[in-house]
Amino acid sequence: MHWTGPYGHTTKQIWDYFENDCPKEKHYSSAHYIIDFTGETFHVIPDTEMAYHCGSSLIDPKSEVIYTDWAREKFGQYANIERYNNPNKIKSSPNQVTIGIEMCAIDSVGTFRDATISSAIELVISLCKKFNIREDSVGTHNMVVGWKDCPRLWVNKPTLFNAFIEDIKRGVK
């Protein structure tokens, strides 16, 4: 789960950034879904295709390695630092086994409109059912990399993320 860091940007602006600015800046960034302020959900990359939304080469400040303990527990070899740094092994990333969802935020705090949250809950419930994903495997960008305040609101107010997960648990049952 992500927030569209440039708050106030529409889905179209975020998609244009992924499609145009990232290649110009020579980096990759994308997500499978973008949820607008109105709650409209745009499925922009097939679920079975890798999106570049939670890979990292930076150190998690808590675990002092790339990727958090949570990510290594959930994604195993895909968040294994030894594989990442060894040139003789295939590079791997949580991007290979996760689905990225961007939510448009309305301010610098990272506030989401109710429609955005409602659509995110519905989407995550449907993905959990479709791919047999456990609710405790739904995480934030911050939970994967540790150093990024994404989504900022949930990093700063984790009780709001916990409430989101509780809504998903009720919907998956």
C-alpha atoms as a PDB file:
ATOM      1  CA  MET A   1       0.000   0.000   0.000  1.00  0.00           C
ATOM      2  CA  HIS A   2       1.329   3.392  -1.060  1.00  0.00           C
ATOM      3  CA  TRP A   3       0.361   7.032  -1.150  1.00  0.00           C
ATOM      4  CA  THR A   4       1.018   9.213  -4.147  1.00  0.00           C
ATOM      5  CA  GLY A   5       3.763  11.310  -2.550  1.00  0.00           C
ATOM      6  CA  PRO A   6       3.019  14.375  -4.643  1.00  0.00           C
ATOM      7  CA  TYR A   7      -0.211  15.044  -2.769  1.00  0.00           C
ATOM      8  CA  GLY A   8      -3.099  16.498  -4.667  1.00  0.00           C
ATOM      9  CA  HIS A   9      -2.065  14.780  -7.889  1.00  0.00           C
ATOM     10  CA  THR A  10      -4.697  12.954  -9.850  1.00  0.00           C
ATOM     11  CA  THR A  11      -4.443   9.420 -11.143  1.00  0.00           C
ATOM     12  CA  LYS A  12      -3.616  10.804 -14.596  1.00  0.00           C
ATOM     13  CA  GLN A  13      -0.732  12.851 -13.207  1.00  0.00           C
ATOM     14  CA  ILE A  14       0.632   9.826 -11.342  1.00  0.00           C
ATOM     15  CA  TRP A  15       0.349   7.646 -14.429  1.00  0.00           C
ATOM     16  CA  ASP A  16       2.071  10.307 -16.543  1.00  0.00           C
ATOM     17  CA  TYR A  17       4.885  10.399 -13.989  1.00  0.00           C
ATOM     18  CA  PHE A  18       5.324   6.604 -14.227  1.00  0.00           C
ATOM     19  CA  GLU A  19       5.196   6.638 -18.020  1.00  0.00           C
ATOM     20  CA  ASN A  20       7.148   9.794 -18.855  1.00  0.00           C
ATOM     21  CA  ASP A  21       9.201  11.216 -16.001  1.00  0.00           C
ATOM     22  CA  CYS A  22      10.623   7.982 -14.615  1.00  0.00           C
ATOM     23  CA  PRO A  23      12.220   6.912 -17.907  1.00  0.00           C
ATOM     24  CA  LYS A  24      13.636  10.429 -18.384  1.00  0.00           C
ATOM     25  CA  GLU A  25      15.067  10.283 -14.850  1.00  0.00           C
ATOM     26  CA  LYS A  26      16.450   6.792 -15.623  1.00  0.00           C
ATOM     27  CA  HIS A  27      14.654   4.954 -12.860  1.00  0.00           C
ATOM     28  CA  TYR A  28      11.697   2.657 -12.629  1.00  0.00           C
ATOM     29  CA  SER A  29       8.538   3.343 -10.701  1.00  0.00           C
ATOM     30  CA  SER A  30       5.077   1.907 -11.190  1.00  0.00           C
ATOM     31  CA  ALA A  31       2.147   0.243  -9.466  1.00  0.00           C
ATOM     32  CA  HIS A  32      -0.572  -2.175 -10.486  1.00  0.00           C
ATOM     33  CA  TYR A  33      -3.425   0.032  -9.280  1.00  0.00           C
ATOM     34  CA  ILE A  34      -3.999   3.721  -8.644  1.00  0.00           C
ATOM     35  CA  ILE A  35      -7.025   4.796  -6.618  1.00  0.00           C
ATOM     36  CA  ASP A  36      -8.249   8.335  -7.249  1.00  0.00           C
ATOM     37  CA  PHE A  37      -9.824  10.855  -4.853  1.00  0.00           C
ATOM     38  CA  THR A  38     -13.269   9.770  -6.042  1.00  0.00           C
ATOM     39  CA  GLY A  39     -12.533   6.131  -5.259  1.00  0.00           C
ATOM     40  CA  GLU A  40     -12.250   5.218  -8.923  1.00  0.00           C
ATOM     41  CA  THR A  41      -9.710   2.421  -9.284  1.00  0.00           C
ATOM     42  CA  PHE A  42      -7.426   2.269 -12.306  1.00  0.00           C
ATOM     43  CA  HIS A  43      -5.829  -1.089 -13.051  1.00  0.00           C
ATOM     44  CA  VAL A  44      -2.759   0.063 -14.947  1.00  0.00           C
ATOM     45  CA  ILE A  45      -0.487  -3.017 -14.939  1.00  0.00           C
ATOM     46  CA  PRO A  46      -1.684  -6.634 -15.045  1.00  0.00           C
ATOM     47  CA  ASP A  47      -1.491  -8.391 -11.673  1.00  0.00           C
ATOM     48  CA  THR A  48       0.821 -11.015 -13.174  1.00  0.00           C
ATOM     49  CA  GLU A  49       3.329  -8.427 -14.437  1.00  0.00           C
ATOM     50  CA  MET A  50       5.989  -6.973 -12.146  1.00  0.00           C
ATOM     51  CA  ALA A  51       5.535  -3.359 -11.102  1.00  0.00           C
ATOM     52  CA  TYR A  52       8.414  -1.395  -9.611  1.00  0.00           C
ATOM     53  CA  HIS A  53       6.900  -0.132  -6.370  1.00  0.00           C
ATOM     54  CA  CYS A  54       8.769  -1.548  -3.367  1.00  0.00           C
ATOM     55  CA  GLY A  55      12.264  -2.548  -4.415  1.00  0.00           C
ATOM     56  CA  SER A  56      15.169  -0.978  -2.591  1.00  0.00           C
ATOM     57  CA  SER A  57      18.923  -0.739  -2.485  1.00  0.00           C
ATOM     58  CA  LEU A  58      18.924   1.403   0.666  1.00  0.00           C
ATOM     59  CA  ILE A  59      19.466   0.118   4.198  1.00  0.00           C
ATOM     60  CA  ASP A  60      16.521  -0.274   6.596  1.00  0.00           C
ATOM     61  CA  PRO A  61      17.586   1.765   9.661  1.00  0.00           C
ATOM     62  CA  LYS A  62      16.151  -0.770  12.143  1.00  0.00           C
ATOM     63  CA  SER A  63      17.471  -4.045  10.760  1.00  0.00           C
ATOM     64  CA  GLU A  64      20.560  -2.393   9.191  1.00  0.00           C
ATOM     65  CA  VAL A  65      20.151  -4.423   5.987  1.00  0.00           C
ATOM     66  CA  ILE A  66      18.165  -3.924   2.820  1.00  0.00           C
ATOM     67  CA  TYR A  67      14.487  -4.731   3.487  1.00  0.00           C
ATOM     68  CA  THR A  68      12.873  -5.001   6.880  1.00  0.00           C
ATOM     69  CA  ASP A  69      12.568  -8.068   9.066  1.00  0.00           C
ATOM     70  CA  TRP A  70       8.844  -8.079   8.173  1.00  0.00           C
ATOM     71  CA  ALA A  71       9.640  -8.146   4.445  1.00  0.00           C
ATOM     72  CA  ARG A  72      12.190 -10.926   4.827  1.00  0.00           C
ATOM     73  CA  GLU A  73       9.680 -12.963   6.843  1.00  0.00           C
ATOM     74  CA  LYS A  74       6.843 -12.448   4.331  1.00  0.00           C
ATOM     75  CA  PHE A  75       8.762 -12.611   1.048  1.00  0.00           C
ATOM     76  CA  GLY A  76      11.651 -14.940   1.882  1.00  0.00           C
ATOM     77  CA  GLN A  77      14.154 -15.170  -0.975  1.00  0.00           C
ATOM     78  CA  TYR A  78      12.619 -12.107  -2.639  1.00  0.00           C
ATOM     79  CA  ALA A  79      13.820  -9.904   0.226  1.00  0.00           C
ATOM     80  CA  ASN A  80      17.027 -11.807   0.957  1.00  0.00           C
ATOM     81  CA  ILE A  81      19.941  -9.418   1.152  1.00  0.00           C
ATOM     82  CA  GLU A  82      22.532 -12.090   0.395  1.00  0.00           C
ATOM     83  CA  ARG A  83      20.857 -12.826  -2.946  1.00  0.00           C
ATOM     84  CA  TYR A  84      20.563  -9.131  -3.662  1.00  0.00           C
ATOM     85  CA  ASN A  85      24.255  -8.371  -3.149  1.00  0.00           C
ATOM     86  CA  ASN A  86      25.775 -11.524  -4.639  1.00  0.00           C
ATOM     87  CA  PRO A  87      26.564 -10.961  -8.338  1.00  0.00           C
ATOM     88  CA  ASN A  88      26.569 -14.738  -8.921  1.00  0.00           C
ATOM     89  CA  LYS A  89      22.949 -15.119  -7.869  1.00  0.00           C
ATOM     90  CA  ILE A  90      19.768 -13.953  -9.523  1.00  0.00           C
ATOM     91  CA  LYS A  91      18.701 -10.528  -8.300  1.00  0.00           C
ATOM     92  CA  SER A  92      15.377 -10.634  -6.546  1.00  0.00           C
ATOM     93  CA  SER A  93      12.985  -8.113  -5.083  1.00  0.00           C
ATOM     94  CA  PRO A  94       9.641  -8.013  -3.283  1.00  0.00           C
ATOM     95  CA  ASN A  95       8.387  -6.391  -6.509  1.00  0.00           C
ATOM     96  CA  GLN A  96       8.387  -9.886  -8.007  1.00  0.00           C
ATOM     97  CA  VAL A  97       5.792 -11.208  -5.541  1.00  0.00           C
ATOM     98  CA  THR A  98       3.689  -8.207  -4.551  1.00  0.00           C
ATOM     99  CA  ILE A  99       0.925  -6.064  -5.984  1.00  0.00           C
ATOM    100  CA  GLY A 100       1.366  -2.302  -5.675  1.00  0.00           C
ATOM    101  CA  ILE A 101      -1.586  -0.055  -4.904  1.00  0.00           C
ATOM    102  CA  GLU A 102      -1.179   3.736  -4.971  1.00  0.00           C
ATOM    103  CA  MET A 103      -3.782   5.887  -3.216  1.00  0.00           C
ATOM    104  CA  CYS A 104      -4.130   9.564  -4.089  1.00  0.00           C
ATOM    105  CA  ALA A 105      -3.671  11.756  -1.012  1.00  0.00           C
ATOM    106  CA  ILE A 106      -5.182  15.194  -0.597  1.00  0.00           C
ATOM    107  CA  ASP A 107      -2.540  16.881   1.573  1.00  0.00           C
ATOM    108  CA  SER A 108       1.059  16.672   2.820  1.00  0.00           C
ATOM    109  CA  VAL A 109      -0.054  14.673   5.860  1.00  0.00           C
ATOM    110  CA  GLY A 110      -1.177  11.959   3.452  1.00  0.00           C
ATOM    111  CA  THR A 111      -4.893  12.173   4.171  1.00  0.00           C
ATOM    112  CA  PHE A 112      -7.113  10.003   1.994  1.00  0.00           C
ATOM    113  CA  ARG A 113     -10.731  10.688   1.178  1.00  0.00           C
ATOM    114  CA  ASP A 114     -13.244   8.143   2.471  1.00  0.00           C
ATOM    115  CA  ALA A 115     -13.987   7.069  -1.107  1.00  0.00           C
ATOM    116  CA  THR A 116     -10.301   6.269  -1.669  1.00  0.00           C
ATOM    117  CA  ILE A 117     -10.106   4.165   1.499  1.00  0.00           C
ATOM    118  CA  SER A 118     -13.382   2.357   0.729  1.00  0.00           C
ATOM    119  CA  SER A 119     -12.168   1.443  -2.738  1.00  0.00           C
ATOM    120  CA  ALA A 120      -8.800   0.335  -1.364  1.00  0.00           C
ATOM    121  CA  ILE A 121     -10.538  -1.953   1.134  1.00  0.00           C
ATOM    122  CA  GLU A 122     -12.712  -3.471  -1.604  1.00  0.00           C
ATOM    123  CA  LEU A 123      -9.731  -3.937  -3.917  1.00  0.00           C
ATOM    124  CA  VAL A 124      -7.527  -5.562  -1.288  1.00  0.00           C
ATOM    125  CA  ILE A 125     -10.346  -7.896  -0.210  1.00  0.00           C
ATOM    126  CA  SER A 126     -10.844  -8.997  -3.817  1.00  0.00           C
ATOM    127  CA  LEU A 127      -7.092  -9.522  -4.321  1.00  0.00           C
ATOM    128  CA  CYS A 128      -6.805 -11.482  -1.067  1.00  0.00           C
ATOM    129  CA  LYS A 129      -9.597 -13.772  -2.233  1.00  0.00           C
ATOM    130  CA  LYS A 130      -8.317 -14.051  -5.813  1.00  0.00           C
ATOM    131  CA  PHE A 131      -4.730 -14.905  -4.857  1.00  0.00           C
ATOM    132  CA  ASN A 132      -5.368 -16.534  -1.462  1.00  0.00           C
ATOM    133  CA  ILE A 133      -3.397 -13.815   0.332  1.00  0.00           C
ATOM    134  CA  ARG A 134      -3.544 -13.652   4.111  1.00  0.00           C
ATOM    135  CA  GLU A 135      -4.496 -10.284   5.579  1.00  0.00           C
ATOM    136  CA  ASP A 136      -1.307 -10.218   7.654  1.00  0.00           C
ATOM    137  CA  SER A 137       0.640 -10.157   4.376  1.00  0.00           C
ATOM    138  CA  VAL A 138      -0.908  -6.820   3.396  1.00  0.00           C
ATOM    139  CA  GLY A 139       1.627  -4.147   4.199  1.00  0.00           C
ATOM    140  CA  THR A 140       2.796  -0.656   3.512  1.00  0.00           C
ATOM    141  CA  HIS A 141       5.806   0.448   1.503  1.00  0.00           C
ATOM    142  CA  ASN A 142       7.396   1.432   4.815  1.00  0.00           C
ATOM    143  CA  MET A 143       6.878  -2.079   6.197  1.00  0.00           C
ATOM    144  CA  VAL A 144       8.892  -3.455   3.262  1.00  0.00           C
ATOM    145  CA  VAL A 145      11.805  -0.999   3.099  1.00  0.00           C
ATOM    146  CA  GLY A 146      11.768   0.679   6.535  1.00  0.00           C
ATOM    147  CA  TRP A 147      13.146   4.042   5.456  1.00  0.00           C
ATOM    148  CA  LYS A 148      10.282   5.449   3.375  1.00  0.00           C
ATOM    149  CA  ASP A 149       7.313   7.229   4.991  1.00  0.00           C
ATOM    150  CA  CYS A 150       4.832   5.643   2.626  1.00  0.00           C
ATOM    151  CA  PRO A 151       1.948   5.975   3.065  1.00  0.00           C
ATOM    152  CA  ARG A 152       2.853   8.876   5.327  1.00  0.00           C
ATOM    153  CA  LEU A 153      -0.465   9.001   7.189  1.00  0.00           C
ATOM    154  CA  TRP A 154      -0.294   5.323   8.156  1.00  0.00           C
ATOM    155  CA  VAL A 155       3.400   5.497   9.065  1.00  0.00           C
ATOM    156  CA  ASN A 156       2.658   8.390  11.421  1.00  0.00           C
ATOM    157  CA  LYS A 157      -0.659   6.966  12.651  1.00  0.00           C
ATOM    158  CA  PRO A 158      -0.343   3.162  12.549  1.00  0.00           C
ATOM    159  CA  THR A 159      -3.732   2.742  14.252  1.00  0.00           C
ATOM    160  CA  LEU A 160      -5.325   3.916  10.983  1.00  0.00           C
ATOM    161  CA  PHE A 161      -3.494   1.178   9.059  1.00  0.00           C
ATOM    162  CA  ASN A 162      -4.556  -1.352  11.704  1.00  0.00           C
ATOM    163  CA  ALA A 163      -8.189  -0.266  11.229  1.00  0.00           C
ATOM    164  CA  PHE A 164      -7.746  -0.717   7.456  1.00  0.00           C
ATOM    165  CA  ILE A 165      -6.487  -4.278   8.028  1.00  0.00           C
ATOM    166  CA  GLU A 166      -9.391  -5.020  10.368  1.00  0.00           C
ATOM    167  CA  ASP A 167     -11.816  -3.920   7.633  1.00  0.00           C
ATOM    168  CA  ILE A 168     -10.057  -6.280   5.231  1.00  0.00           C
ATOM    169  CA  LYS A 169     -10.233  -9.167   7.713  1.00  0.00           C
ATOM    170  CA  ARG A 170     -13.989  -8.674   8.071  1.00  0.00           C
ATOM    171  CA  GLY A 171     -14.402  -8.626   4.286  1.00  0.00           C
ATOM    172  CA  VAL A 172     -12.293 -11.692   3.585  1.00  0.00           C
ATOM    173  CA  LYS A 173     -14.218 -13.927   6.018  1.00  0.00           C
END
